[in-house]
Amino acid sequence: TCPFSGADAPKIDYKDVKLLQRYISERGKIVPSRITAVSAKKQRELARAIKRARFLALLPYVIS
């Protein structure tokens, strides 16, 4: 039931900020896979994409 598995699933891309924002909390933290139902492999990909987007200032590290 992973939202990133299947033929029509969205690709995880660090430039797709709108998609990545669904997987970070209102404080800016990455939401765990047990809450989002993302598979372990895709969760690692997602975390890498979020961290890359943060480094490039596309996403904030912290929302105060």
PDB file of N, CA and C in Angstrom:
ATOM      1  N   THR A   1       0.817  -1.214   0.000  1.00  0.00           N
ATOM      2  CA  THR A   1       0.000   0.000   0.000  1.00  0.00           C
ATOM      3  C   THR A   1       0.859   1.276   0.000  1.00  0.00           C
ATOM      4  N   CYS A   2       2.110   1.134  -0.426  1.00  0.00           N
ATOM      5  CA  CYS A   2       3.009   2.286  -0.484  1.00  0.00           C
ATOM      6  C   CYS A   2       2.540   3.260  -1.567  1.00  0.00           C
ATOM      7  N   PRO A   3       2.448   4.555  -1.262  1.00  0.00           N
ATOM      8  CA  PRO A   3       1.997   5.530  -2.267  1.00  0.00           C
ATOM      9  C   PRO A   3       2.953   5.704  -3.447  1.00  0.00           C
ATOM     10  N   PHE A   4       4.176   5.163  -3.339  1.00  0.00           N
ATOM     11  CA  PHE A   4       5.153   5.293  -4.422  1.00  0.00           C
ATOM     12  C   PHE A   4       5.344   4.006  -5.217  1.00  0.00           C
ATOM     13  N   SER A   5       4.555   2.953  -4.901  1.00  0.00           N
ATOM     14  CA  SER A   5       4.661   1.707  -5.663  1.00  0.00           C
ATOM     15  C   SER A   5       3.510   1.633  -6.660  1.00  0.00           C
ATOM     16  N   GLY A   6       3.735   0.966  -7.763  1.00  0.00           N
ATOM     17  CA  GLY A   6       2.718   0.870  -8.803  1.00  0.00           C
ATOM     18  C   GLY A   6       3.120   1.646 -10.039  1.00  0.00           C
ATOM     19  N   ALA A   7       2.403   1.400 -11.114  1.00  0.00           N
ATOM     20  CA  ALA A   7       2.745   1.989 -12.413  1.00  0.00           C
ATOM     21  C   ALA A   7       2.506   3.503 -12.457  1.00  0.00           C
ATOM     22  N   ASP A   8       1.402   3.948 -11.855  1.00  0.00           N
ATOM     23  CA  ASP A   8       1.034   5.378 -11.923  1.00  0.00           C
ATOM     24  C   ASP A   8       1.548   6.179 -10.716  1.00  0.00           C
ATOM     25  N   ALA A   9       2.464   5.597  -9.953  1.00  0.00           N
ATOM     26  CA  ALA A   9       2.978   6.257  -8.750  1.00  0.00           C
ATOM     27  C   ALA A   9       3.884   7.434  -9.119  1.00  0.00           C
ATOM     28  N   PRO A  10       3.861   8.504  -8.309  1.00  0.00           N
ATOM     29  CA  PRO A  10       4.744   9.644  -8.595  1.00  0.00           C
ATOM     30  C   PRO A  10       6.202   9.291  -8.331  1.00  0.00           C
ATOM     31  N   LYS A  11       7.094   9.894  -9.081  1.00  0.00           N
ATOM     32  CA  LYS A  11       8.533   9.695  -8.877  1.00  0.00           C
ATOM     33  C   LYS A  11       8.990  10.624  -7.748  1.00  0.00           C
ATOM     34  N   ILE A  12       9.876  10.129  -6.914  1.00  0.00           N
ATOM     35  CA  ILE A  12      10.433  10.950  -5.835  1.00  0.00           C
ATOM     36  C   ILE A  12      11.546  11.801  -6.432  1.00  0.00           C
ATOM     37  N   ASP A  13      11.344  13.120  -6.384  1.00  0.00           N
ATOM     38  CA  ASP A  13      12.314  14.041  -6.968  1.00  0.00           C
ATOM     39  C   ASP A  13      12.521  15.210  -6.007  1.00  0.00           C
ATOM     40  N   TYR A  14      13.763  15.566  -5.760  1.00  0.00           N
ATOM     41  CA  TYR A  14      14.055  16.649  -4.809  1.00  0.00           C
ATOM     42  C   TYR A  14      13.522  17.996  -5.272  1.00  0.00           C
ATOM     43  N   LYS A  15      13.242  18.152  -6.568  1.00  0.00           N
ATOM     44  CA  LYS A  15      12.717  19.424  -7.090  1.00  0.00           C
ATOM     45  C   LYS A  15      11.198  19.528  -6.926  1.00  0.00           C
ATOM     46  N   ASP A  16      10.531  18.396  -6.649  1.00  0.00           N
ATOM     47  CA  ASP A  16       9.071  18.366  -6.493  1.00  0.00           C
ATOM     48  C   ASP A  16       8.703  18.707  -5.041  1.00  0.00           C
ATOM     49  N   VAL A  17       8.791  19.993  -4.717  1.00  0.00           N
ATOM     50  CA  VAL A  17       8.600  20.461  -3.344  1.00  0.00           C
ATOM     51  C   VAL A  17       7.186  20.183  -2.838  1.00  0.00           C
ATOM     52  N   LYS A  18       6.200  20.328  -3.703  1.00  0.00           N
ATOM     53  CA  LYS A  18       4.803  20.100  -3.307  1.00  0.00           C
ATOM     54  C   LYS A  18       4.595  18.658  -2.807  1.00  0.00           C
ATOM     55  N   LEU A  19       5.196  17.699  -3.490  1.00  0.00           N
ATOM     56  CA  LEU A  19       5.110  16.289  -3.083  1.00  0.00           C
ATOM     57  C   LEU A  19       5.859  16.066  -1.765  1.00  0.00           C
ATOM     58  N   LEU A  20       7.050  16.608  -1.654  1.00  0.00           N
ATOM     59  CA  LEU A  20       7.875  16.401  -0.460  1.00  0.00           C
ATOM     60  C   LEU A  20       7.237  17.009   0.785  1.00  0.00           C
ATOM     61  N   GLN A  21       6.532  18.120   0.619  1.00  0.00           N
ATOM     62  CA  GLN A  21       5.901  18.784   1.765  1.00  0.00           C
ATOM     63  C   GLN A  21       4.829  17.920   2.424  1.00  0.00           C
ATOM     64  N   ARG A  22       4.268  16.971   1.672  1.00  0.00           N
ATOM     65  CA  ARG A  22       3.274  16.055   2.244  1.00  0.00           C
ATOM     66  C   ARG A  22       3.907  15.106   3.259  1.00  0.00           C
ATOM     67  N   TYR A  23       5.227  14.919   3.170  1.00  0.00           N
ATOM     68  CA  TYR A  23       5.921  13.956   4.020  1.00  0.00           C
ATOM     69  C   TYR A  23       6.801  14.616   5.070  1.00  0.00           C
ATOM     70  N   ILE A  24       6.606  15.928   5.305  1.00  0.00           N
ATOM     71  CA  ILE A  24       7.257  16.584   6.431  1.00  0.00           C
ATOM     72  C   ILE A  24       6.173  17.183   7.332  1.00  0.00           C
ATOM     73  N   SER A  25       6.446  17.169   8.652  1.00  0.00           N
ATOM     74  CA  SER A  25       5.474  17.665   9.627  1.00  0.00           C
ATOM     75  C   SER A  25       5.376  19.188   9.554  1.00  0.00           C
ATOM     76  N   GLU A  26       4.451  19.745  10.313  1.00  0.00           N
ATOM     77  CA  GLU A  26       4.295  21.204  10.326  1.00  0.00           C
ATOM     78  C   GLU A  26       5.502  21.893  10.972  1.00  0.00           C
ATOM     79  N   ARG A  27       6.321  21.132  11.697  1.00  0.00           N
ATOM     80  CA  ARG A  27       7.559  21.664  12.274  1.00  0.00           C
ATOM     81  C   ARG A  27       8.741  21.490  11.328  1.00  0.00           C
ATOM     82  N   GLY A  28       8.528  20.776  10.213  1.00  0.00           N
ATOM     83  CA  GLY A  28       9.590  20.596   9.230  1.00  0.00           C
ATOM     84  C   GLY A  28      10.346  19.287   9.341  1.00  0.00           C
ATOM     85  N   LYS A  29       9.883  18.388  10.208  1.00  0.00           N
ATOM     86  CA  LYS A  29      10.556  17.097  10.389  1.00  0.00           C
ATOM     87  C   LYS A  29       9.991  16.070   9.403  1.00  0.00           C
ATOM     88  N   ILE A  30      10.816  15.106   9.028  1.00  0.00           N
ATOM     89  CA  ILE A  30      10.384  14.036   8.124  1.00  0.00           C
ATOM     90  C   ILE A  30       9.457  13.099   8.905  1.00  0.00           C
ATOM     91  N   VAL A  31       8.268  12.853   8.364  1.00  0.00           N
ATOM     92  CA  VAL A  31       7.279  12.003   9.028  1.00  0.00           C
ATOM     93  C   VAL A  31       7.682  10.534   8.859  1.00  0.00           C
ATOM     94  N   PRO A  32       7.635   9.714   9.936  1.00  0.00           N
ATOM     95  CA  PRO A  32       8.044   8.314   9.836  1.00  0.00           C
ATOM     96  C   PRO A  32       7.132   7.483   8.932  1.00  0.00           C
ATOM     97  N   SER A  33       7.708   6.410   8.375  1.00  0.00           N
ATOM     98  CA  SER A  33       6.987   5.586   7.402  1.00  0.00           C
ATOM     99  C   SER A  33       5.808   4.842   8.022  1.00  0.00           C
ATOM    100  N   ARG A  34       5.833   4.586   9.339  1.00  0.00           N
ATOM    101  CA  ARG A  34       4.689   3.897   9.953  1.00  0.00           C
ATOM    102  C   ARG A  34       3.442   4.775   9.946  1.00  0.00           C
ATOM    103  N   ILE A  35       3.615   6.071   9.815  1.00  0.00           N
ATOM    104  CA  ILE A  35       2.475   6.987   9.725  1.00  0.00           C
ATOM    105  C   ILE A  35       2.070   7.201   8.265  1.00  0.00           C
ATOM    106  N   THR A  36       3.059   7.339   7.373  1.00  0.00           N
ATOM    107  CA  THR A  36       2.767   7.640   5.964  1.00  0.00           C
ATOM    108  C   THR A  36       2.557   6.397   5.106  1.00  0.00           C
ATOM    109  N   ALA A  37       2.861   5.197   5.641  1.00  0.00           N
ATOM    110  CA  ALA A  37       2.719   3.910   4.935  1.00  0.00           C
ATOM    111  C   ALA A  37       3.607   3.810   3.696  1.00  0.00           C
ATOM    112  N   VAL A  38       4.759   4.472   3.727  1.00  0.00           N
ATOM    113  CA  VAL A  38       5.733   4.397   2.634  1.00  0.00           C
ATOM    114  C   VAL A  38       6.649   3.210   2.923  1.00  0.00           C
ATOM    115  N   SER A  39       7.012   2.445   1.888  1.00  0.00           N
ATOM    116  CA  SER A  39       7.904   1.293   2.074  1.00  0.00           C
ATOM    117  C   SER A  39       9.287   1.765   2.525  1.00  0.00           C
ATOM    118  N   ALA A  40      10.056   0.860   3.124  1.00  0.00           N
ATOM    119  CA  ALA A  40      11.370   1.210   3.679  1.00  0.00           C
ATOM    120  C   ALA A  40      12.307   1.773   2.614  1.00  0.00           C
ATOM    121  N   LYS A  41      12.327   1.141   1.454  1.00  0.00           N
ATOM    122  CA  LYS A  41      13.202   1.588   0.362  1.00  0.00           C
ATOM    123  C   LYS A  41      12.815   2.994  -0.096  1.00  0.00           C
ATOM    124  N   LYS A  42      11.514   3.214  -0.283  1.00  0.00           N
ATOM    125  CA  LYS A  42      11.039   4.520  -0.745  1.00  0.00           C
ATOM    126  C   LYS A  42      11.184   5.580   0.346  1.00  0.00           C
ATOM    127  N   GLN A  43      11.096   5.180   1.622  1.00  0.00           N
ATOM    128  CA  GLN A  43      11.287   6.127   2.727  1.00  0.00           C
ATOM    129  C   GLN A  43      12.719   6.666   2.717  1.00  0.00           C
ATOM    130  N   ARG A  44      13.686   5.781   2.445  1.00  0.00           N
ATOM    131  CA  ARG A  44      15.088   6.213   2.350  1.00  0.00           C
ATOM    132  C   ARG A  44      15.269   7.182   1.187  1.00  0.00           C
ATOM    133  N   GLU A  45      14.645   6.851   0.046  1.00  0.00           N
ATOM    134  CA  GLU A  45      14.694   7.724  -1.138  1.00  0.00           C
ATOM    135  C   GLU A  45      14.078   9.092  -0.818  1.00  0.00           C
ATOM    136  N   LEU A  46      12.930   9.042  -0.140  1.00  0.00           N
ATOM    137  CA  LEU A  46      12.193  10.252   0.234  1.00  0.00           C
ATOM    138  C   LEU A  46      13.028  11.123   1.178  1.00  0.00           C
ATOM    139  N   ALA A  47      13.641  10.499   2.180  1.00  0.00           N
ATOM    140  CA  ALA A  47      14.480  11.225   3.141  1.00  0.00           C
ATOM    141  C   ALA A  47      15.656  11.883   2.424  1.00  0.00           C
ATOM    142  N   ARG A  48      16.266  11.146   1.493  1.00  0.00           N
ATOM    143  CA  ARG A  48      17.400  11.684   0.726  1.00  0.00           C
ATOM    144  C   ARG A  48      16.951  12.895  -0.094  1.00  0.00           C
ATOM    145  N   ALA A  49      15.780  12.782  -0.728  1.00  0.00           N
ATOM    146  CA  ALA A  49      15.244  13.878  -1.549  1.00  0.00           C
ATOM    147  C   ALA A  49      14.927  15.106  -0.689  1.00  0.00           C
ATOM    148  N   ILE A  50      14.333  14.879   0.487  1.00  0.00           N
ATOM    149  CA  ILE A  50      13.996  15.985   1.391  1.00  0.00           C
ATOM    150  C   ILE A  50      15.271  16.684   1.866  1.00  0.00           C
ATOM    151  N   LYS A  51      16.286  15.891   2.236  1.00  0.00           N
ATOM    152  CA  LYS A  51      17.554  16.464   2.706  1.00  0.00           C
ATOM    153  C   LYS A  51      18.258  17.238   1.597  1.00  0.00           C
ATOM    154  N   ARG A  52      18.176  16.726   0.386  1.00  0.00           N
ATOM    155  CA  ARG A  52      18.777  17.411  -0.771  1.00  0.00           C
ATOM    156  C   ARG A  52      18.048  18.731  -1.032  1.00  0.00           C
ATOM    157  N   ALA A  53      16.709  18.707  -0.957  1.00  0.00           N
ATOM    158  CA  ALA A  53      15.909  19.918  -1.166  1.00  0.00           C
ATOM    159  C   ALA A  53      16.198  20.960  -0.080  1.00  0.00           C
ATOM    160  N   ARG A  54      16.399  20.498   1.157  1.00  0.00           N
ATOM    161  CA  ARG A  54      16.748  21.414   2.249  1.00  0.00           C
ATOM    162  C   ARG A  54      18.097  22.073   1.985  1.00  0.00           C
ATOM    163  N   PHE A  55      19.072  21.265   1.556  1.00  0.00           N
ATOM    164  CA  PHE A  55      20.419  21.770   1.287  1.00  0.00           C
ATOM    165  C   PHE A  55      20.402  22.831   0.192  1.00  0.00           C
ATOM    166  N   LEU A  56      19.533  22.648  -0.804  1.00  0.00           N
ATOM    167  CA  LEU A  56      19.420  23.600  -1.914  1.00  0.00           C
ATOM    168  C   LEU A  56      18.432  24.733  -1.619  1.00  0.00           C
ATOM    169  N   ALA A  57      17.980  24.821  -0.368  1.00  0.00           N
ATOM    170  CA  ALA A  57      17.066  25.876   0.103  1.00  0.00           C
ATOM    171  C   ALA A  57      15.711  25.844  -0.594  1.00  0.00           C
ATOM    172  N   LEU A  58      15.266  24.658  -1.022  1.00  0.00           N
ATOM    173  CA  LEU A  58      13.925  24.507  -1.590  1.00  0.00           C
ATOM    174  C   LEU A  58      12.917  24.223  -0.477  1.00  0.00           C
ATOM    175  N   LEU A  59      13.399  23.613   0.610  1.00  0.00           N
ATOM    176  CA  LEU A  59      12.581  23.337   1.795  1.00  0.00           C
ATOM    177  C   LEU A  59      13.316  23.884   3.023  1.00  0.00           C
ATOM    178  N   PRO A  60      12.583  24.295   4.057  1.00  0.00           N
ATOM    179  CA  PRO A  60      13.253  24.765   5.272  1.00  0.00           C
ATOM    180  C   PRO A  60      13.714  23.597   6.150  1.00  0.00           C
ATOM    181  N   TYR A  61      14.777  23.792   6.915  1.00  0.00           N
ATOM    182  CA  TYR A  61      15.218  22.784   7.882  1.00  0.00           C
ATOM    183  C   TYR A  61      14.257  22.766   9.068  1.00  0.00           C
ATOM    184  N   VAL A  62      13.862  23.959   9.518  1.00  0.00           N
ATOM    185  CA  VAL A  62      13.001  24.108  10.689  1.00  0.00           C
ATOM    186  C   VAL A  62      11.934  25.141  10.367  1.00  0.00           C
ATOM    187  N   ILE A  63      10.701  24.879  10.810  1.00  0.00           N
ATOM    188  CA  ILE A  63       9.626  25.866  10.669  1.00  0.00           C
ATOM    189  C   ILE A  63       9.273  26.309  12.079  1.00  0.00           C
ATOM    190  N   SER A  64       9.566  27.556  12.416  1.00  0.00           N
ATOM    191  CA  SER A  64       9.313  28.039  13.779  1.00  0.00           C
ATOM    192  C   SER A  64       8.015  28.818  13.862  1.00  0.00           C
TER     193      SER A  64
END
